């Protein structure tokens, strides 16, 4: 699906995968965390001050059989998720910043936490 983030009046668009396996929550805010590749954000977040303005913090995570540790996260003003030209989700969001590829291919740039679509 197409995803658009708004960070301080800047908009970036990229492809995301709605991931039912992503159950990561920010323990400080209780919000679901969406994972985005760091290079997608590098055009907007250029220095330490840019990250600090976004409430930069570390959140514990683990992935199935692969990694565990801390992932940096930030808050963004708005995240929109589109499916076939209609918006299916719009809200403030917590974004986990992942350094590397999310899959063996480059077919998507983010893992969208599927919990945001549940009632």
PDB file of N, CA and C in Angstrom:
ATOM      1  N   UNK A   1       0.838  -1.172   0.000  1.00  0.00           N
ATOM      2  CA  UNK A   1       0.000   0.000   0.000  1.00  0.00           C
ATOM      3  C   UNK A   1       0.887   1.240   0.000  1.00  0.00           C
ATOM      4  N   UNK A   2       0.312   2.330  -0.438  1.00  0.00           N
ATOM      5  CA  UNK A   2       1.042   3.592  -0.433  1.00  0.00           C
ATOM      6  C   UNK A   2       0.915   4.222   0.955  1.00  0.00           C
ATOM      7  N   UNK A   3       2.004   4.778   1.445  1.00  0.00           N
ATOM      8  CA  UNK A   3       2.048   5.412   2.759  1.00  0.00           C
ATOM      9  C   UNK A   3       2.596   6.820   2.586  1.00  0.00           C
ATOM     10  N   UNK A   4       2.021   7.760   3.332  1.00  0.00           N
ATOM     11  CA  UNK A   4       2.531   9.128   3.338  1.00  0.00           C
ATOM     12  C   UNK A   4       2.727   9.581   4.773  1.00  0.00           C
ATOM     13  N   UNK A   5       3.921  10.092   5.074  1.00  0.00           N
ATOM     14  CA  UNK A   5       4.218  10.651   6.387  1.00  0.00           C
ATOM     15  C   UNK A   5       4.334  12.158   6.278  1.00  0.00           C
ATOM     16  N   UNK A   6       3.852  12.858   7.305  1.00  0.00           N
ATOM     17  CA  UNK A   6       4.032  14.292   7.409  1.00  0.00           C
ATOM     18  C   UNK A   6       4.935  14.558   8.605  1.00  0.00           C
ATOM     19  N   UNK A   7       6.058  15.208   8.322  1.00  0.00           N
ATOM     20  CA  UNK A   7       7.012  15.566   9.364  1.00  0.00           C
ATOM     21  C   UNK A   7       7.356  17.035   9.160  1.00  0.00           C
ATOM     22  N   UNK A   8       6.902  17.878  10.082  1.00  0.00           N
ATOM     23  CA  UNK A   8       7.148  19.317  10.025  1.00  0.00           C
ATOM     24  C   UNK A   8       6.888  19.909   8.636  1.00  0.00           C
ATOM     25  N   UNK A   9       5.693  19.757   8.157  1.00  0.00           N
ATOM     26  CA  UNK A   9       5.227  20.308   6.879  1.00  0.00           C
ATOM     27  C   UNK A   9       5.856  19.659   5.647  1.00  0.00           C
ATOM     28  N   UNK A  10       6.712  18.670   5.836  1.00  0.00           N
ATOM     29  CA  UNK A  10       7.272  17.919   4.710  1.00  0.00           C
ATOM     30  C   UNK A  10       6.513  16.612   4.581  1.00  0.00           C
ATOM     31  N   UNK A  11       6.323  16.178   3.359  1.00  0.00           N
ATOM     32  CA  UNK A  11       5.607  14.928   3.095  1.00  0.00           C
ATOM     33  C   UNK A  11       6.532  13.981   2.340  1.00  0.00           C
ATOM     34  N   UNK A  12       6.553  12.724   2.775  1.00  0.00           N
ATOM     35  CA  UNK A  12       7.282  11.709   2.036  1.00  0.00           C
ATOM     36  C   UNK A  12       6.334  10.550   1.773  1.00  0.00           C
ATOM     37  N   UNK A  13       6.455   9.966   0.593  1.00  0.00           N
ATOM     38  CA  UNK A  13       5.624   8.826   0.208  1.00  0.00           C
ATOM     39  C   UNK A  13       6.516   7.635  -0.103  1.00  0.00           C
ATOM     40  N   UNK A  14       6.005   6.462   0.223  1.00  0.00           N
ATOM     41  CA  UNK A  14       6.741   5.230  -0.010  1.00  0.00           C
ATOM     42  C   UNK A  14       5.767   4.073   0.041  1.00  0.00           C
ATOM     43  N   UNK A  15       6.262   2.869  -0.208  1.00  0.00           N
ATOM     44  CA  UNK A  15       5.424   1.669  -0.178  1.00  0.00           C
ATOM     45  C   UNK A  15       5.572   0.954   1.155  1.00  0.00           C
ATOM     46  N   UNK A  16       4.443   0.512   1.693  1.00  0.00           N
ATOM     47  CA  UNK A  16       4.450  -0.219   2.951  1.00  0.00           C
ATOM     48  C   UNK A  16       3.739  -1.547   2.813  1.00  0.00           C
ATOM     49  N   UNK A  17       4.081  -2.463   3.678  1.00  0.00           N
ATOM     50  CA  UNK A  17       3.426  -3.768   3.760  1.00  0.00           C
ATOM     51  C   UNK A  17       2.655  -3.805   5.071  1.00  0.00           C
ATOM     52  N   UNK A  18       1.361  -4.075   5.018  1.00  0.00           N
ATOM     53  CA  UNK A  18       0.575  -4.227   6.243  1.00  0.00           C
ATOM     54  C   UNK A  18       0.960  -5.577   6.837  1.00  0.00           C
ATOM     55  N   UNK A  19       1.610  -5.539   7.992  1.00  0.00           N
ATOM     56  CA  UNK A  19       2.267  -6.703   8.571  1.00  0.00           C
ATOM     57  C   UNK A  19       1.543  -7.172   9.834  1.00  0.00           C
ATOM     58  N   UNK A  20       0.818  -8.279   9.725  1.00  0.00           N
ATOM     59  CA  UNK A  20       0.102  -8.819  10.880  1.00  0.00           C
ATOM     60  C   UNK A  20       1.060  -9.329  11.950  1.00  0.00           C
ATOM     61  N   UNK A  21       2.312  -9.544  11.591  1.00  0.00           N
ATOM     62  CA  UNK A  21       3.308  -9.992  12.557  1.00  0.00           C
ATOM     63  C   UNK A  21       3.957  -8.868  13.337  1.00  0.00           C
ATOM     64  N   UNK A  22       3.743  -7.647  12.898  1.00  0.00           N
ATOM     65  CA  UNK A  22       4.306  -6.497  13.611  1.00  0.00           C
ATOM     66  C   UNK A  22       3.348  -6.120  14.742  1.00  0.00           C
ATOM     67  N   UNK A  23       3.711  -6.494  15.955  1.00  0.00           N
ATOM     68  CA  UNK A  23       2.888  -6.195  17.132  1.00  0.00           C
ATOM     69  C   UNK A  23       3.618  -5.252  18.088  1.00  0.00           C
ATOM     70  N   UNK A  24       4.622  -4.563  17.569  1.00  0.00           N
ATOM     71  CA  UNK A  24       5.441  -3.690  18.404  1.00  0.00           C
ATOM     72  C   UNK A  24       4.642  -2.486  18.887  1.00  0.00           C
ATOM     73  N   UNK A  25       4.735  -2.237  20.199  1.00  0.00           N
ATOM     74  CA  UNK A  25       4.098  -1.069  20.822  1.00  0.00           C
ATOM     75  C   UNK A  25       5.170  -0.269  21.543  1.00  0.00           C
ATOM     76  N   UNK A  26       4.982   1.030  21.533  1.00  0.00           N
ATOM     77  CA  UNK A  26       5.855   1.921  22.273  1.00  0.00           C
ATOM     78  C   UNK A  26       5.438   1.828  23.744  1.00  0.00           C
ATOM     79  N   UNK A  27       6.304   1.325  24.629  1.00  0.00           N
ATOM     80  CA  UNK A  27       5.905   1.169  26.034  1.00  0.00           C
ATOM     81  C   UNK A  27       5.687   2.509  26.748  1.00  0.00           C
ATOM     82  N   UNK A  28       6.179   3.593  26.175  1.00  0.00           N
ATOM     83  CA  UNK A  28       6.044   4.902  26.802  1.00  0.00           C
ATOM     84  C   UNK A  28       4.713   5.575  26.460  1.00  0.00           C
ATOM     85  N   UNK A  29       4.208   5.342  25.236  1.00  0.00           N
ATOM     86  CA  UNK A  29       2.966   5.986  24.804  1.00  0.00           C
ATOM     87  C   UNK A  29       1.817   5.004  24.641  1.00  0.00           C
ATOM     88  N   UNK A  30       2.126   3.699  24.527  1.00  0.00           N
ATOM     89  CA  UNK A  30       1.104   2.690  24.282  1.00  0.00           C
ATOM     90  C   UNK A  30       0.655   2.619  22.834  1.00  0.00           C
ATOM     91  N   UNK A  31       1.285   3.419  21.957  1.00  0.00           N
ATOM     92  CA  UNK A  31       0.899   3.429  20.534  1.00  0.00           C
ATOM     93  C   UNK A  31       1.624   2.344  19.756  1.00  0.00           C
ATOM     94  N   UNK A  32       0.983   1.894  18.683  1.00  0.00           N
ATOM     95  CA  UNK A  32       1.594   0.917  17.784  1.00  0.00           C
ATOM     96  C   UNK A  32       2.757   1.566  17.043  1.00  0.00           C
ATOM     97  N   UNK A  33       3.795   0.767  16.768  1.00  0.00           N
ATOM     98  CA  UNK A  33       4.982   1.262  16.077  1.00  0.00           C
ATOM     99  C   UNK A  33       4.998   0.703  14.658  1.00  0.00           C
ATOM    100  N   UNK A  34       5.217   1.588  13.688  1.00  0.00           N
ATOM    101  CA  UNK A  34       5.367   1.218  12.284  1.00  0.00           C
ATOM    102  C   UNK A  34       6.852   1.336  11.960  1.00  0.00           C
ATOM    103  N   UNK A  35       7.396   0.368  11.248  1.00  0.00           N
ATOM    104  CA  UNK A  35       8.829   0.320  10.966  1.00  0.00           C
ATOM    105  C   UNK A  35       9.091   0.877   9.568  1.00  0.00           C
ATOM    106  N   UNK A  36      10.006   1.858   9.480  1.00  0.00           N
ATOM    107  CA  UNK A  36      10.353   2.481   8.200  1.00  0.00           C
ATOM    108  C   UNK A  36      11.873   2.432   8.045  1.00  0.00           C
ATOM    109  N   UNK A  37      12.328   2.142   6.831  1.00  0.00           N
ATOM    110  CA  UNK A  37      13.766   2.135   6.552  1.00  0.00           C
ATOM    111  C   UNK A  37      14.350   3.527   6.787  1.00  0.00           C
ATOM    112  N   UNK A  38      15.511   3.586   7.387  1.00  0.00           N
ATOM    113  CA  UNK A  38      16.147   4.865   7.736  1.00  0.00           C
ATOM    114  C   UNK A  38      16.425   5.734   6.516  1.00  0.00           C
ATOM    115  N   UNK A  39      16.770   5.134   5.389  1.00  0.00           N
ATOM    116  CA  UNK A  39      17.098   5.944   4.209  1.00  0.00           C
ATOM    117  C   UNK A  39      15.874   6.686   3.668  1.00  0.00           C
ATOM    118  N   UNK A  40      14.678   6.201   3.946  1.00  0.00           N
ATOM    119  CA  UNK A  40      13.457   6.883   3.518  1.00  0.00           C
ATOM    120  C   UNK A  40      13.310   8.208   4.271  1.00  0.00           C
ATOM    121  N   UNK A  41      13.721   8.228   5.532  1.00  0.00           N
ATOM    122  CA  UNK A  41      13.568   9.413   6.377  1.00  0.00           C
ATOM    123  C   UNK A  41      14.738  10.380   6.288  1.00  0.00           C
ATOM    124  N   UNK A  42      15.833   9.969   5.685  1.00  0.00           N
ATOM    125  CA  UNK A  42      17.060  10.770   5.712  1.00  0.00           C
ATOM    126  C   UNK A  42      16.925  12.120   5.011  1.00  0.00           C
ATOM    127  N   UNK A  43      16.005  12.263   4.067  1.00  0.00           N
ATOM    128  CA  UNK A  43      15.823  13.539   3.398  1.00  0.00           C
ATOM    129  C   UNK A  43      15.190  14.599   4.283  1.00  0.00           C
ATOM    130  N   UNK A  44      14.462  14.177   5.306  1.00  0.00           N
ATOM    131  CA  UNK A  44      13.782  15.109   6.209  1.00  0.00           C
ATOM    132  C   UNK A  44      14.518  15.231   7.537  1.00  0.00           C
ATOM    133  N   UNK A  45      14.957  14.114   8.069  1.00  0.00           N
ATOM    134  CA  UNK A  45      15.657  14.102   9.358  1.00  0.00           C
ATOM    135  C   UNK A  45      17.156  14.100   9.078  1.00  0.00           C
ATOM    136  N   UNK A  46      17.768  15.277   9.146  1.00  0.00           N
ATOM    137  CA  UNK A  46      19.156  15.418   8.700  1.00  0.00           C
ATOM    138  C   UNK A  46      20.178  15.469   9.836  1.00  0.00           C
ATOM    139  N   UNK A  47      19.738  15.867  11.042  1.00  0.00           N
ATOM    140  CA  UNK A  47      20.699  16.006  12.133  1.00  0.00           C
ATOM    141  C   UNK A  47      20.040  15.663  13.469  1.00  0.00           C
ATOM    142  N   UNK A  48      20.831  15.714  14.531  1.00  0.00           N
ATOM    143  CA  UNK A  48      20.342  15.344  15.865  1.00  0.00           C
ATOM    144  C   UNK A  48      19.163  16.200  16.317  1.00  0.00           C
ATOM    145  N   UNK A  49      19.185  17.481  15.970  1.00  0.00           N
ATOM    146  CA  UNK A  49      18.087  18.362  16.372  1.00  0.00           C
ATOM    147  C   UNK A  49      16.772  17.938  15.726  1.00  0.00           C
ATOM    148  N   UNK A  50      16.820  17.503  14.466  1.00  0.00           N
ATOM    149  CA  UNK A  50      15.608  17.039  13.782  1.00  0.00           C
ATOM    150  C   UNK A  50      15.010  15.833  14.504  1.00  0.00           C
ATOM    151  N   UNK A  51      15.859  14.923  14.962  1.00  0.00           N
ATOM    152  CA  UNK A  51      15.379  13.751  15.697  1.00  0.00           C
ATOM    153  C   UNK A  51      14.850  14.150  17.070  1.00  0.00           C
ATOM    154  N   UNK A  52      15.546  15.054  17.751  1.00  0.00           N
ATOM    155  CA  UNK A  52      15.135  15.473  19.093  1.00  0.00           C
ATOM    156  C   UNK A  52      13.751  16.121  19.066  1.00  0.00           C
ATOM    157  N   UNK A  53      13.457  16.901  18.042  1.00  0.00           N
ATOM    158  CA  UNK A  53      12.143  17.537  17.905  1.00  0.00           C
ATOM    159  C   UNK A  53      11.028  16.510  17.758  1.00  0.00           C
ATOM    160  N   UNK A  54      11.352  15.343  17.298  1.00  0.00           N
ATOM    161  CA  UNK A  54      10.377  14.281  17.050  1.00  0.00           C
ATOM    162  C   UNK A  54      10.261  13.333  18.244  1.00  0.00           C
ATOM    163  N   UNK A  55      10.773  13.716  19.419  1.00  0.00           N
ATOM    164  CA  UNK A  55      10.731  12.886  20.636  1.00  0.00           C
ATOM    165  C   UNK A  55      11.444  11.547  20.435  1.00  0.00           C
ATOM    166  N   UNK A  56      12.632  11.605  19.907  1.00  0.00           N
ATOM    167  CA  UNK A  56      13.475  10.433  19.663  1.00  0.00           C
ATOM    168  C   UNK A  56      13.662   9.650  20.961  1.00  0.00           C
ATOM    169  N   UNK A  57      13.480   8.339  20.885  1.00  0.00           N
ATOM    170  CA  UNK A  57      13.691   7.462  22.032  1.00  0.00           C
ATOM    171  C   UNK A  57      13.954   6.050  21.528  1.00  0.00           C
ATOM    172  N   UNK A  58      14.375   5.169  22.412  1.00  0.00           N
ATOM    173  CA  UNK A  58      14.652   3.779  22.059  1.00  0.00           C
ATOM    174  C   UNK A  58      13.576   2.888  22.655  1.00  0.00           C
ATOM    175  N   UNK A  59      13.119   1.926  21.850  1.00  0.00           N
ATOM    176  CA  UNK A  59      12.060   1.001  22.258  1.00  0.00           C
ATOM    177  C   UNK A  59      12.588  -0.425  22.087  1.00  0.00           C
ATOM    178  N   UNK A  60      12.396  -1.288  23.093  1.00  0.00           N
ATOM    179  CA  UNK A  60      12.838  -2.686  22.955  1.00  0.00           C
ATOM    180  C   UNK A  60      12.000  -3.421  21.909  1.00  0.00           C
ATOM    181  N   UNK A  61      12.675  -4.294  21.130  1.00  0.00           N
ATOM    182  CA  UNK A  61      11.976  -5.070  20.109  1.00  0.00           C
ATOM    183  C   UNK A  61      12.649  -6.426  19.954  1.00  0.00           C
ATOM    184  N   UNK A  62      11.946  -7.327  19.321  1.00  0.00           N
ATOM    185  CA  UNK A  62      12.549  -8.583  18.850  1.00  0.00           C
ATOM    186  C   UNK A  62      11.785  -9.018  17.610  1.00  0.00           C
ATOM    187  N   UNK A  63      12.516  -9.626  16.694  1.00  0.00           N
ATOM    188  CA  UNK A  63      11.882 -10.163  15.496  1.00  0.00           C
ATOM    189  C   UNK A  63      11.988 -11.678  15.552  1.00  0.00           C
ATOM    190  N   UNK A  64      11.085 -12.333  14.880  1.00  0.00           N
ATOM    191  CA  UNK A  64      10.992 -13.786  14.953  1.00  0.00           C
ATOM    192  C   UNK A  64      12.311 -14.420  14.497  1.00  0.00           C
ATOM    193  N   UNK A  65      13.009 -15.036  15.442  1.00  0.00           N
ATOM    194  CA  UNK A  65      14.207 -15.797  15.149  1.00  0.00           C
ATOM    195  C   UNK A  65      15.392 -15.016  14.629  1.00  0.00           C
ATOM    196  N   UNK A  66      15.357 -13.694  14.643  1.00  0.00           N
ATOM    197  CA  UNK A  66      16.468 -12.951  14.046  1.00  0.00           C
ATOM    198  C   UNK A  66      17.146 -11.999  15.016  1.00  0.00           C
ATOM    199  N   UNK A  67      16.486 -10.926  15.369  1.00  0.00           N
ATOM    200  CA  UNK A  67      17.134  -9.877  16.136  1.00  0.00           C
ATOM    201  C   UNK A  67      16.363  -9.552  17.405  1.00  0.00           C
ATOM    202  N   UNK A  68      17.065  -8.927  18.323  1.00  0.00           N
ATOM    203  CA  UNK A  68      16.451  -8.361  19.524  1.00  0.00           C
ATOM    204  C   UNK A  68      17.327  -7.202  19.956  1.00  0.00           C
ATOM    205  N   UNK A  69      16.722  -6.226  20.574  1.00  0.00           N
ATOM    206  CA  UNK A  69      17.499  -5.082  21.027  1.00  0.00           C
ATOM    207  C   UNK A  69      16.623  -3.861  21.184  1.00  0.00           C
ATOM    208  N   UNK A  70      17.183  -2.721  20.812  1.00  0.00           N
ATOM    209  CA  UNK A  70      16.477  -1.451  20.899  1.00  0.00           C
ATOM    210  C   UNK A  70      16.381  -0.843  19.503  1.00  0.00           C
ATOM    211  N   UNK A  71      15.218  -0.304  19.178  1.00  0.00           N
ATOM    212  CA  UNK A  71      15.036   0.370  17.906  1.00  0.00           C
ATOM    213  C   UNK A  71      14.686   1.829  18.176  1.00  0.00           C
ATOM    214  N   UNK A  72      15.337   2.749  17.463  1.00  0.00           N
ATOM    215  CA  UNK A  72      14.980   4.149  17.645  1.00  0.00           C
ATOM    216  C   UNK A  72      13.602   4.431  17.058  1.00  0.00           C
ATOM    217  N   UNK A  73      12.814   5.252  17.751  1.00  0.00           N
ATOM    218  CA  UNK A  73      11.496   5.635  17.260  1.00  0.00           C
ATOM    219  C   UNK A  73      11.332   7.152  17.380  1.00  0.00           C
ATOM    220  N   UNK A  74      10.437   7.684  16.550  1.00  0.00           N
ATOM    221  CA  UNK A  74      10.079   9.100  16.582  1.00  0.00           C
ATOM    222  C   UNK A  74       8.569   9.225  16.446  1.00  0.00           C
ATOM    223  N   UNK A  75       8.052  10.383  16.809  1.00  0.00           N
ATOM    224  CA  UNK A  75       6.640  10.686  16.601  1.00  0.00           C
ATOM    225  C   UNK A  75       6.519  11.538  15.337  1.00  0.00           C
ATOM    226  N   UNK A  76       5.491  11.285  14.540  1.00  0.00           N
ATOM    227  CA  UNK A  76       5.216  12.107  13.365  1.00  0.00           C
ATOM    228  C   UNK A  76       3.799  12.655  13.473  1.00  0.00           C
ATOM    229  N   UNK A  77       3.591  13.824  12.859  1.00  0.00           N
ATOM    230  CA  UNK A  77       2.296  14.484  12.949  1.00  0.00           C
ATOM    231  C   UNK A  77       1.187  13.680  12.303  1.00  0.00           C
ATOM    232  N   UNK A  78       1.495  13.049  11.176  1.00  0.00           N
ATOM    233  CA  UNK A  78       0.438  12.355  10.440  1.00  0.00           C
ATOM    234  C   UNK A  78       1.015  11.226   9.611  1.00  0.00           C
ATOM    235  N   UNK A  79       0.333  10.098   9.627  1.00  0.00           N
ATOM    236  CA  UNK A  79       0.631   8.991   8.733  1.00  0.00           C
ATOM    237  C   UNK A  79      -0.674   8.622   8.048  1.00  0.00           C
ATOM    238  N   UNK A  80      -0.625   8.562   6.722  1.00  0.00           N
ATOM    239  CA  UNK A  80      -1.785   8.133   5.940  1.00  0.00           C
ATOM    240  C   UNK A  80      -1.423   6.860   5.213  1.00  0.00           C
ATOM    241  N   UNK A  81      -2.345   5.896   5.217  1.00  0.00           N
ATOM    242  CA  UNK A  81      -2.169   4.644   4.488  1.00  0.00           C
ATOM    243  C   UNK A  81      -3.295   4.555   3.464  1.00  0.00           C
ATOM    244  N   UNK A  82      -2.919   4.318   2.219  1.00  0.00           N
ATOM    245  CA  UNK A  82      -3.881   4.275   1.119  1.00  0.00           C
ATOM    246  C   UNK A  82      -3.938   2.871   0.529  1.00  0.00           C
ATOM    247  N   UNK A  83      -5.136   2.475   0.132  1.00  0.00           N
ATOM    248  CA  UNK A  83      -5.355   1.199  -0.540  1.00  0.00           C
ATOM    249  C   UNK A  83      -6.244   1.478  -1.750  1.00  0.00           C
ATOM    250  N   UNK A  84      -5.687   1.349  -2.946  1.00  0.00           N
ATOM    251  CA  UNK A  84      -6.447   1.571  -4.181  1.00  0.00           C
ATOM    252  C   UNK A  84      -7.138   2.931  -4.177  1.00  0.00           C
ATOM    253  N   UNK A  85      -6.383   3.972  -3.929  1.00  0.00           N
ATOM    254  CA  UNK A  85      -6.841   5.369  -3.983  1.00  0.00           C
ATOM    255  C   UNK A  85      -7.726   5.821  -2.829  1.00  0.00           C
ATOM    256  N   UNK A  86      -8.019   4.975  -1.870  1.00  0.00           N
ATOM    257  CA  UNK A  86      -8.800   5.442  -0.729  1.00  0.00           C
ATOM    258  C   UNK A  86      -7.934   5.364   0.519  1.00  0.00           C
ATOM    259  N   UNK A  87      -8.144   6.318   1.415  1.00  0.00           N
ATOM    260  CA  UNK A  87      -7.380   6.328   2.650  1.00  0.00           C
ATOM    261  C   UNK A  87      -8.020   5.342   3.615  1.00  0.00           C
ATOM    262  N   UNK A  88      -7.199   4.436   4.171  1.00  0.00           N
ATOM    263  CA  UNK A  88      -7.738   3.459   5.107  1.00  0.00           C
ATOM    264  C   UNK A  88      -7.262   3.721   6.537  1.00  0.00           C
ATOM    265  N   UNK A  89      -6.321   4.647   6.696  1.00  0.00           N
ATOM    266  CA  UNK A  89      -5.853   4.982   8.033  1.00  0.00           C
ATOM    267  C   UNK A  89      -5.221   6.363   8.004  1.00  0.00           C
ATOM    268  N   UNK A  90      -5.527   7.190   8.992  1.00  0.00           N
ATOM    269  CA  UNK A  90      -4.886   8.499   9.124  1.00  0.00           C
ATOM    270  C   UNK A  90      -4.837   8.846  10.598  1.00  0.00           C
ATOM    271  N   UNK A  91      -3.631   9.133  11.089  1.00  0.00           N
ATOM    272  CA  UNK A  91      -3.486   9.479  12.495  1.00  0.00           C
ATOM    273  C   UNK A  91      -2.050   9.908  12.757  1.00  0.00           C
ATOM    274  N   UNK A  92      -1.810  10.427  13.969  1.00  0.00           N
ATOM    275  CA  UNK A  92      -0.439  10.604  14.426  1.00  0.00           C
ATOM    276  C   UNK A  92       0.163   9.211  14.508  1.00  0.00           C
ATOM    277  N   UNK A  93       1.485   9.114  14.438  1.00  0.00           N
ATOM    278  CA  UNK A  93       2.068   7.778  14.436  1.00  0.00           C
ATOM    279  C   UNK A  93       3.428   7.765  15.114  1.00  0.00           C
ATOM    280  N   UNK A  94       3.796   6.587  15.582  1.00  0.00           N
ATOM    281  CA  UNK A  94       5.133   6.327  16.096  1.00  0.00           C
ATOM    282  C   UNK A  94       5.850   5.515  15.023  1.00  0.00           C
ATOM    283  N   UNK A  95       7.015   5.999  14.612  1.00  0.00           N
ATOM    284  CA  UNK A  95       7.771   5.379  13.533  1.00  0.00           C
ATOM    285  C   UNK A  95       9.073   4.820  14.079  1.00  0.00           C
ATOM    286  N   UNK A  96       9.271   3.514  13.899  1.00  0.00           N
ATOM    287  CA  UNK A  96      10.539   2.875  14.223  1.00  0.00           C
ATOM    288  C   UNK A  96      11.468   3.026  13.040  1.00  0.00           C
ATOM    289  N   UNK A  97      12.713   3.353  13.299  1.00  0.00           N
ATOM    290  CA  UNK A  97      13.679   3.611  12.233  1.00  0.00           C
ATOM    291  C   UNK A  97      14.606   2.412  12.112  1.00  0.00           C
ATOM    292  N   UNK A  98      14.490   1.698  10.988  1.00  0.00           N
ATOM    293  CA  UNK A  98      15.267   0.474  10.784  1.00  0.00           C
ATOM    294  C   UNK A  98      16.386   0.733   9.786  1.00  0.00           C
ATOM    295  N   UNK A  99      17.582   0.409  10.181  1.00  0.00           N
ATOM    296  CA  UNK A  99      18.750   0.597   9.329  1.00  0.00           C
ATOM    297  C   UNK A  99      18.998  -0.687   8.539  1.00  0.00           C
ATOM    298  N   UNK A 100      18.583  -0.721   7.293  1.00  0.00           N
ATOM    299  CA  UNK A 100      18.779  -1.901   6.462  1.00  0.00           C
ATOM    300  C   UNK A 100      17.541  -2.211   5.657  1.00  0.00           C
ATOM    301  N   UNK A 101      17.548  -3.369   5.021  1.00  0.00           N
ATOM    302  CA  UNK A 101      16.421  -3.808   4.206  1.00  0.00           C
ATOM    303  C   UNK A 101      15.422  -4.559   5.086  1.00  0.00           C
ATOM    304  N   UNK A 102      14.148  -4.416   4.775  1.00  0.00           N
ATOM    305  CA  UNK A 102      13.098  -5.086   5.540  1.00  0.00           C
ATOM    306  C   UNK A 102      12.772  -6.463   4.995  1.00  0.00           C
ATOM    307  N   UNK A 103      13.215  -6.722   3.765  1.00  0.00           N
ATOM    308  CA  UNK A 103      12.975  -8.027   3.166  1.00  0.00           C
ATOM    309  C   UNK A 103      14.121  -8.342   2.218  1.00  0.00           C
ATOM    310  N   UNK A 104      14.080  -9.506   1.620  1.00  0.00           N
ATOM    311  CA  UNK A 104      15.097  -9.893   0.650  1.00  0.00           C
ATOM    312  C   UNK A 104      14.998  -9.109  -0.648  1.00  0.00           C
ATOM    313  N   UNK A 105      13.885  -8.436  -0.844  1.00  0.00           N
ATOM    314  CA  UNK A 105      13.703  -7.605  -2.037  1.00  0.00           C
ATOM    315  C   UNK A 105      13.470  -6.171  -1.588  1.00  0.00           C
ATOM    316  N   UNK A 106      13.446  -5.271  -2.515  1.00  0.00           N
ATOM    317  CA  UNK A 106      13.181  -3.876  -2.169  1.00  0.00           C
ATOM    318  C   UNK A 106      11.763  -3.488  -2.572  1.00  0.00           C
ATOM    319  N   UNK A 107      10.824  -4.413  -2.448  1.00  0.00           N
ATOM    320  CA  UNK A 107       9.458  -4.158  -2.901  1.00  0.00           C
ATOM    321  C   UNK A 107       8.655  -3.274  -1.942  1.00  0.00           C
ATOM    322  N   UNK A 108       9.113  -3.077  -0.706  1.00  0.00           N
ATOM    323  CA  UNK A 108       8.442  -2.177   0.228  1.00  0.00           C
ATOM    324  C   UNK A 108       9.472  -1.552   1.163  1.00  0.00           C
ATOM    325  N   UNK A 109       9.087  -0.400   1.710  1.00  0.00           N
ATOM    326  CA  UNK A 109       9.988   0.404   2.525  1.00  0.00           C
ATOM    327  C   UNK A 109       9.581   0.469   3.990  1.00  0.00           C
ATOM    328  N   UNK A 110       8.427  -0.107   4.326  1.00  0.00           N
ATOM    329  CA  UNK A 110       7.919  -0.001   5.694  1.00  0.00           C
ATOM    330  C   UNK A 110       7.064  -1.209   6.042  1.00  0.00           C
ATOM    331  N   UNK A 111       6.992  -1.492   7.344  1.00  0.00           N
ATOM    332  CA  UNK A 111       6.084  -2.513   7.869  1.00  0.00           C
ATOM    333  C   UNK A 111       5.049  -1.794   8.699  1.00  0.00           C
ATOM    334  N   UNK A 112       3.822  -1.784   8.205  1.00  0.00           N
ATOM    335  CA  UNK A 112       2.724  -1.080   8.873  1.00  0.00           C
ATOM    336  C   UNK A 112       2.101  -2.016   9.901  1.00  0.00           C
ATOM    337  N   UNK A 113       2.023  -1.558  11.129  1.00  0.00           N
ATOM    338  CA  UNK A 113       1.473  -2.351  12.216  1.00  0.00           C
ATOM    339  C   UNK A 113      -0.026  -2.563  11.950  1.00  0.00           C
ATOM    340  N   UNK A 114      -0.414  -3.799  11.714  1.00  0.00           N
ATOM    341  CA  UNK A 114      -1.801  -4.121  11.333  1.00  0.00           C
ATOM    342  C   UNK A 114      -2.778  -3.852  12.464  1.00  0.00           C
ATOM    343  N   UNK A 115      -2.319  -3.717  13.688  1.00  0.00           N
ATOM    344  CA  UNK A 115      -3.213  -3.476  14.821  1.00  0.00           C
ATOM    345  C   UNK A 115      -3.995  -2.177  14.676  1.00  0.00           C
ATOM    346  N   UNK A 116      -3.480  -1.227  13.893  1.00  0.00           N
ATOM    347  CA  UNK A 116      -4.189   0.055  13.737  1.00  0.00           C
ATOM    348  C   UNK A 116      -5.504  -0.121  12.985  1.00  0.00           C
ATOM    349  N   UNK A 117      -5.711  -1.236  12.316  1.00  0.00           N
ATOM    350  CA  UNK A 117      -6.927  -1.467  11.553  1.00  0.00           C
ATOM    351  C   UNK A 117      -7.963  -2.253  12.331  1.00  0.00           C
ATOM    352  N   UNK A 118      -7.585  -2.713  13.522  1.00  0.00           N
ATOM    353  CA  UNK A 118      -8.530  -3.470  14.353  1.00  0.00           C
ATOM    354  C   UNK A 118      -9.355  -2.524  15.198  1.00  0.00           C
ATOM    355  N   UNK A 119     -10.589  -2.922  15.476  1.00  0.00           N
ATOM    356  CA  UNK A 119     -11.446  -2.108  16.355  1.00  0.00           C
ATOM    357  C   UNK A 119     -11.234  -2.466  17.788  1.00  0.00           C
TER     358      UNK A 119
END
